[in-house]
Amino acid sequence: MLLIYNDVSLNTGGLLDTGASVNVLPHEIGLELGLNWDEHNTEVILTGNLAQFQAKGVILSAQIEGFDSVTLVFAWTQAQNIPLLLGRVNFFQAFDVCFYGSQLIFEVALSSTKFKLQ
């Protein structure tokens, strides 16, 4: 995945986390992208293992190979040595992900708006 902030881009990997409420950006990746902690003032409250760390909301462009770039919102945490997490807000809103556990693979597709009449 290619993350883009202003004119800086960084090729990185991430973990799909169906249990994560939000996308989580590790502190060191934010610094590599040129983010300045003091310039971001939207505080985000994290839970679980990351609850002890301060986090701020940031908006980045992201491009996954084969797809157009999308806007992703991240909780940029001060936690060190954690993976980039892709969670329900808003990775799983931008993409449909199908897991095929027996085959140990998953498939990613751009989310399509679906309407259901009741």
N, C-alpha and C. Protein backbone atom coordinates (compact mmCIF):
# COMPACT_ATOMS: atom_id res chain seq x y z
N MET A 1 0.85 -1.16 0.00
CA MET A 1 0.00 0.00 0.00
C MET A 1 0.90 1.23 0.00
N LEU A 2 0.52 2.20 -0.81
CA LEU A 2 1.25 3.46 -0.89
C LEU A 2 0.45 4.50 -0.11
N LEU A 3 1.07 5.07 0.93
CA LEU A 3 0.44 6.15 1.70
C LEU A 3 1.02 7.47 1.24
N ILE A 4 0.16 8.48 1.13
CA ILE A 4 0.59 9.78 0.60
C ILE A 4 0.10 10.88 1.53
N TYR A 5 1.02 11.78 1.89
CA TYR A 5 0.68 12.97 2.68
C TYR A 5 1.44 14.14 2.05
N ASN A 6 0.68 15.12 1.59
CA ASN A 6 1.27 16.24 0.84
C ASN A 6 2.07 15.68 -0.33
N ASP A 7 3.36 15.96 -0.40
CA ASP A 7 4.18 15.48 -1.52
C ASP A 7 5.04 14.27 -1.15
N VAL A 8 4.79 13.69 0.03
CA VAL A 8 5.59 12.57 0.50
C VAL A 8 4.78 11.28 0.37
N SER A 9 5.41 10.24 -0.16
CA SER A 9 4.74 8.95 -0.25
C SER A 9 5.62 7.87 0.36
N LEU A 10 4.97 6.84 0.87
CA LEU A 10 5.68 5.77 1.55
C LEU A 10 4.99 4.45 1.21
N ASN A 11 5.76 3.50 0.73
CA ASN A 11 5.24 2.17 0.44
C ASN A 11 5.35 1.33 1.70
N THR A 12 4.23 0.84 2.20
CA THR A 12 4.23 0.09 3.45
C THR A 12 3.18 -1.01 3.41
N GLY A 13 3.26 -1.90 4.34
CA GLY A 13 2.26 -2.94 4.49
C GLY A 13 1.38 -2.64 5.67
N GLY A 14 0.29 -3.35 5.76
CA GLY A 14 -0.62 -3.18 6.88
C GLY A 14 -1.34 -4.48 7.16
N LEU A 15 -1.98 -4.53 8.31
CA LEU A 15 -2.76 -5.70 8.69
C LEU A 15 -4.24 -5.38 8.63
N LEU A 16 -5.01 -6.24 7.99
CA LEU A 16 -6.46 -6.11 8.02
C LEU A 16 -6.91 -6.56 9.41
N ASP A 17 -7.63 -5.70 10.11
CA ASP A 17 -8.05 -6.03 11.48
C ASP A 17 -9.56 -5.82 11.59
N THR A 18 -10.31 -6.88 11.44
CA THR A 18 -11.77 -6.78 11.48
C THR A 18 -12.27 -6.37 12.86
N GLY A 19 -11.44 -6.50 13.88
CA GLY A 19 -11.84 -6.09 15.23
C GLY A 19 -11.46 -4.67 15.56
N ALA A 20 -10.69 -4.01 14.70
CA ALA A 20 -10.27 -2.64 14.97
C ALA A 20 -11.37 -1.67 14.56
N SER A 21 -11.73 -0.78 15.45
CA SER A 21 -12.76 0.23 15.15
C SER A 21 -12.27 1.21 14.10
N VAL A 22 -10.99 1.54 14.15
CA VAL A 22 -10.43 2.55 13.25
C VAL A 22 -9.13 2.06 12.64
N ASN A 23 -8.69 2.74 11.59
CA ASN A 23 -7.36 2.53 11.03
C ASN A 23 -6.37 3.13 12.02
N VAL A 24 -5.25 2.46 12.23
CA VAL A 24 -4.25 2.96 13.18
C VAL A 24 -2.92 3.12 12.46
N LEU A 25 -2.35 4.31 12.56
CA LEU A 25 -1.08 4.65 11.93
C LEU A 25 0.01 4.69 13.01
N PRO A 26 1.03 3.83 12.91
CA PRO A 26 2.12 3.87 13.88
C PRO A 26 2.86 5.21 13.83
N HIS A 27 3.38 5.61 14.97
CA HIS A 27 4.03 6.92 15.08
C HIS A 27 5.17 7.09 14.08
N GLU A 28 6.01 6.07 13.96
CA GLU A 28 7.19 6.21 13.08
C GLU A 28 6.80 6.36 11.61
N ILE A 29 5.71 5.73 11.18
CA ILE A 29 5.27 5.87 9.78
C ILE A 29 4.76 7.29 9.55
N GLY A 30 4.04 7.84 10.53
CA GLY A 30 3.59 9.23 10.42
C GLY A 30 4.76 10.19 10.28
N LEU A 31 5.80 9.97 11.07
CA LEU A 31 6.99 10.83 10.98
C LEU A 31 7.66 10.71 9.62
N GLU A 32 7.75 9.47 9.09
CA GLU A 32 8.35 9.26 7.77
C GLU A 32 7.56 9.99 6.68
N LEU A 33 6.24 10.13 6.87
CA LEU A 33 5.40 10.83 5.90
C LEU A 33 5.48 12.34 6.05
N GLY A 34 6.16 12.80 7.10
CA GLY A 34 6.30 14.24 7.32
C GLY A 34 5.22 14.84 8.21
N LEU A 35 4.45 13.99 8.90
CA LEU A 35 3.44 14.52 9.82
C LEU A 35 4.12 15.15 11.02
N ASN A 36 3.53 16.22 11.52
CA ASN A 36 4.02 16.92 12.71
C ASN A 36 2.98 16.76 13.80
N TRP A 37 3.35 16.09 14.89
CA TRP A 37 2.42 15.79 15.98
C TRP A 37 1.71 17.05 16.47
N ASP A 38 2.42 18.14 16.62
CA ASP A 38 1.86 19.37 17.18
C ASP A 38 0.88 20.07 16.25
N GLU A 39 0.89 19.75 14.97
CA GLU A 39 -0.01 20.40 14.01
C GLU A 39 -1.38 19.73 13.93
N HIS A 40 -1.53 18.57 14.55
CA HIS A 40 -2.80 17.85 14.50
C HIS A 40 -3.46 17.93 15.87
N ASN A 41 -4.71 18.41 15.88
CA ASN A 41 -5.36 18.65 17.18
C ASN A 41 -6.63 17.84 17.42
N THR A 42 -6.99 16.93 16.51
CA THR A 42 -8.16 16.09 16.72
C THR A 42 -7.74 14.85 17.49
N GLU A 43 -8.11 14.82 18.77
CA GLU A 43 -7.73 13.68 19.61
C GLU A 43 -8.65 12.50 19.34
N VAL A 44 -8.06 11.32 19.35
CA VAL A 44 -8.79 10.08 19.14
C VAL A 44 -8.53 9.19 20.35
N ILE A 45 -9.58 8.62 20.90
CA ILE A 45 -9.45 7.71 22.03
C ILE A 45 -9.38 6.28 21.49
N LEU A 46 -8.27 5.62 21.75
CA LEU A 46 -8.11 4.23 21.35
C LEU A 46 -8.46 3.32 22.52
N THR A 47 -8.79 2.08 22.22
CA THR A 47 -9.12 1.11 23.25
C THR A 47 -8.18 -0.08 23.16
N GLY A 48 -8.38 -1.04 24.02
CA GLY A 48 -7.57 -2.25 23.99
C GLY A 48 -6.12 -1.99 24.34
N ASN A 49 -5.21 -2.67 23.64
CA ASN A 49 -3.78 -2.55 23.92
C ASN A 49 -3.24 -1.14 23.69
N LEU A 50 -3.93 -0.35 22.86
CA LEU A 50 -3.44 0.99 22.53
C LEU A 50 -4.08 2.09 23.37
N ALA A 51 -4.93 1.73 24.33
CA ALA A 51 -5.66 2.72 25.13
C ALA A 51 -4.73 3.62 25.92
N GLN A 52 -3.57 3.14 26.27
CA GLN A 52 -2.63 3.92 27.08
C GLN A 52 -1.88 4.99 26.28
N PHE A 53 -2.01 4.97 24.97
CA PHE A 53 -1.26 5.89 24.12
C PHE A 53 -2.16 7.00 23.58
N GLN A 54 -1.61 8.19 23.52
CA GLN A 54 -2.31 9.32 22.92
C GLN A 54 -2.37 9.11 21.41
N ALA A 55 -3.47 9.54 20.79
CA ALA A 55 -3.61 9.41 19.33
C ALA A 55 -4.32 10.64 18.78
N LYS A 56 -4.00 10.95 17.54
CA LYS A 56 -4.61 12.09 16.85
C LYS A 56 -5.11 11.66 15.48
N GLY A 57 -6.19 12.26 15.03
CA GLY A 57 -6.76 11.93 13.73
C GLY A 57 -5.99 12.58 12.60
N VAL A 58 -5.69 11.81 11.57
CA VAL A 58 -5.04 12.33 10.37
C VAL A 58 -5.71 11.74 9.14
N ILE A 59 -5.67 12.49 8.05
CA ILE A 59 -6.26 12.05 6.79
C ILE A 59 -5.14 11.89 5.77
N LEU A 60 -5.08 10.71 5.15
CA LEU A 60 -4.06 10.40 4.15
C LEU A 60 -4.71 9.87 2.89
N SER A 61 -4.00 9.97 1.80
CA SER A 61 -4.38 9.27 0.59
C SER A 61 -3.67 7.93 0.60
N ALA A 62 -4.34 6.93 0.10
CA ALA A 62 -3.74 5.60 0.04
C ALA A 62 -4.05 4.97 -1.30
N GLN A 63 -3.08 4.23 -1.80
CA GLN A 63 -3.30 3.52 -3.06
C GLN A 63 -2.84 2.09 -2.90
N ILE A 64 -3.77 1.20 -3.17
CA ILE A 64 -3.47 -0.23 -3.18
C ILE A 64 -3.32 -0.61 -4.64
N GLU A 65 -2.30 -1.38 -4.92
CA GLU A 65 -2.01 -1.75 -6.31
C GLU A 65 -3.26 -2.29 -7.00
N GLY A 66 -3.55 -1.72 -8.16
CA GLY A 66 -4.70 -2.15 -8.95
C GLY A 66 -5.95 -1.32 -8.71
N PHE A 67 -5.90 -0.40 -7.75
CA PHE A 67 -7.05 0.43 -7.42
C PHE A 67 -6.68 1.91 -7.49
N ASP A 68 -7.67 2.76 -7.73
CA ASP A 68 -7.46 4.20 -7.63
C ASP A 68 -7.19 4.56 -6.17
N SER A 69 -6.56 5.71 -5.96
CA SER A 69 -6.30 6.12 -4.58
C SER A 69 -7.59 6.50 -3.87
N VAL A 70 -7.61 6.27 -2.57
CA VAL A 70 -8.75 6.58 -1.72
C VAL A 70 -8.27 7.40 -0.54
N THR A 71 -9.20 8.08 0.10
CA THR A 71 -8.89 8.83 1.31
C THR A 71 -9.15 7.94 2.51
N LEU A 72 -8.14 7.79 3.36
CA LEU A 72 -8.30 7.00 4.57
C LEU A 72 -8.03 7.87 5.79
N VAL A 73 -8.83 7.64 6.83
CA VAL A 73 -8.69 8.36 8.09
C VAL A 73 -7.98 7.42 9.07
N PHE A 74 -6.97 7.95 9.75
CA PHE A 74 -6.19 7.14 10.69
C PHE A 74 -6.17 7.78 12.07
N ALA A 75 -6.07 6.92 13.08
CA ALA A 75 -5.70 7.36 14.42
C ALA A 75 -4.19 7.21 14.48
N TRP A 76 -3.48 8.35 14.48
CA TRP A 76 -2.02 8.33 14.52
C TRP A 76 -1.60 8.24 15.98
N THR A 77 -1.06 7.11 16.36
CA THR A 77 -0.74 6.86 17.75
C THR A 77 0.73 7.10 18.05
N GLN A 78 1.00 7.39 19.31
CA GLN A 78 2.39 7.54 19.74
C GLN A 78 3.01 6.19 20.09
N ALA A 79 2.25 5.13 19.96
CA ALA A 79 2.78 3.79 20.24
C ALA A 79 3.90 3.46 19.24
N GLN A 80 4.92 2.82 19.74
CA GLN A 80 6.06 2.42 18.92
C GLN A 80 5.97 0.93 18.62
N ASN A 81 6.56 0.51 17.52
CA ASN A 81 6.69 -0.90 17.16
C ASN A 81 5.36 -1.64 17.08
N ILE A 82 4.39 -1.00 16.45
CA ILE A 82 3.12 -1.66 16.17
C ILE A 82 2.92 -1.67 14.65
N PRO A 83 2.11 -2.58 14.14
CA PRO A 83 1.84 -2.57 12.70
C PRO A 83 0.79 -1.53 12.33
N LEU A 84 0.77 -1.13 11.10
CA LEU A 84 -0.31 -0.31 10.58
C LEU A 84 -1.55 -1.20 10.54
N LEU A 85 -2.66 -0.71 11.10
CA LEU A 85 -3.89 -1.50 11.16
C LEU A 85 -4.94 -0.88 10.27
N LEU A 86 -5.61 -1.70 9.52
CA LEU A 86 -6.70 -1.26 8.64
C LEU A 86 -8.00 -1.79 9.25
N GLY A 87 -8.84 -0.86 9.72
CA GLY A 87 -10.03 -1.24 10.46
C GLY A 87 -11.33 -0.81 9.81
N ARG A 88 -12.40 -0.90 10.62
CA ARG A 88 -13.75 -0.64 10.13
C ARG A 88 -13.94 0.79 9.66
N VAL A 89 -13.39 1.76 10.37
CA VAL A 89 -13.46 3.16 9.93
C VAL A 89 -12.06 3.53 9.47
N ASN A 90 -11.81 3.69 8.25
CA ASN A 90 -12.75 3.62 7.18
C ASN A 90 -12.29 2.69 6.05
N PHE A 91 -11.33 1.81 6.35
CA PHE A 91 -10.88 0.89 5.31
C PHE A 91 -12.00 -0.03 4.86
N PHE A 92 -12.72 -0.60 5.83
CA PHE A 92 -13.79 -1.54 5.48
C PHE A 92 -15.03 -0.83 4.96
N GLN A 93 -15.03 0.49 4.96
CA GLN A 93 -16.08 1.26 4.30
C GLN A 93 -15.70 1.54 2.86
N ALA A 94 -14.41 1.65 2.60
CA ALA A 94 -13.93 1.93 1.24
C ALA A 94 -13.76 0.67 0.41
N PHE A 95 -13.52 -0.46 1.08
CA PHE A 95 -13.25 -1.71 0.37
C PHE A 95 -14.12 -2.83 0.91
N ASP A 96 -14.52 -3.72 0.03
CA ASP A 96 -15.15 -4.98 0.42
C ASP A 96 -14.03 -6.00 0.54
N VAL A 97 -14.00 -6.72 1.63
CA VAL A 97 -12.97 -7.73 1.84
C VAL A 97 -13.65 -9.06 2.11
N CYS A 98 -13.28 -10.06 1.34
CA CYS A 98 -13.81 -11.42 1.51
C CYS A 98 -12.68 -12.33 1.96
N PHE A 99 -12.89 -13.01 3.07
CA PHE A 99 -11.90 -13.94 3.61
C PHE A 99 -12.29 -15.36 3.23
N TYR A 100 -11.32 -16.11 2.74
CA TYR A 100 -11.49 -17.52 2.42
C TYR A 100 -10.53 -18.30 3.29
N GLY A 101 -10.97 -18.52 4.53
CA GLY A 101 -10.11 -19.12 5.54
C GLY A 101 -9.55 -20.47 5.17
N SER A 102 -10.35 -21.32 4.55
CA SER A 102 -9.87 -22.66 4.22
C SER A 102 -8.75 -22.63 3.18
N GLN A 103 -8.70 -21.54 2.40
CA GLN A 103 -7.68 -21.40 1.36
C GLN A 103 -6.54 -20.48 1.80
N LEU A 104 -6.69 -19.88 2.99
CA LEU A 104 -5.70 -18.95 3.55
C LEU A 104 -5.46 -17.75 2.63
N ILE A 105 -6.54 -17.24 2.02
CA ILE A 105 -6.44 -16.06 1.17
C ILE A 105 -7.59 -15.10 1.49
N PHE A 106 -7.45 -13.89 1.01
CA PHE A 106 -8.54 -12.93 1.08
C PHE A 106 -8.56 -12.14 -0.22
N GLU A 107 -9.68 -11.53 -0.50
CA GLU A 107 -9.88 -10.78 -1.73
C GLU A 107 -10.36 -9.38 -1.37
N VAL A 108 -9.80 -8.38 -2.04
CA VAL A 108 -10.17 -6.98 -1.79
C VAL A 108 -10.77 -6.40 -3.06
N ALA A 109 -11.89 -5.69 -2.90
CA ALA A 109 -12.54 -5.01 -4.02
C ALA A 109 -13.04 -3.66 -3.54
N LEU A 110 -13.11 -2.70 -4.44
CA LEU A 110 -13.68 -1.40 -4.07
C LEU A 110 -15.12 -1.61 -3.64
N SER A 111 -15.49 -0.93 -2.59
CA SER A 111 -16.85 -1.04 -2.07
C SER A 111 -17.83 -0.47 -3.07
N SER A 112 -18.94 -1.16 -3.23
CA SER A 112 -20.00 -0.64 -4.09
C SER A 112 -21.18 -0.32 -3.20
N THR A 113 -21.85 0.77 -3.48
CA THR A 113 -23.00 1.15 -2.69
C THR A 113 -24.15 0.21 -3.03
N LYS A 114 -24.71 -0.35 -1.99
CA LYS A 114 -25.79 -1.30 -2.18
C LYS A 114 -27.03 -0.79 -1.45
N PHE A 115 -28.16 -0.86 -2.08
CA PHE A 115 -29.40 -0.44 -1.48
C PHE A 115 -30.30 -1.65 -1.34
N LYS A 116 -30.90 -1.76 -0.19
CA LYS A 116 -31.81 -2.87 0.05
C LYS A 116 -33.17 -2.31 0.39
N LEU A 117 -34.17 -2.70 -0.38
CA LEU A 117 -35.53 -2.25 -0.11
C LEU A 117 -36.18 -3.22 0.85
N GLN A 118 -36.86 -2.67 1.83
CA GLN A 118 -37.56 -3.53 2.80
C GLN A 118 -39.02 -3.22 2.81
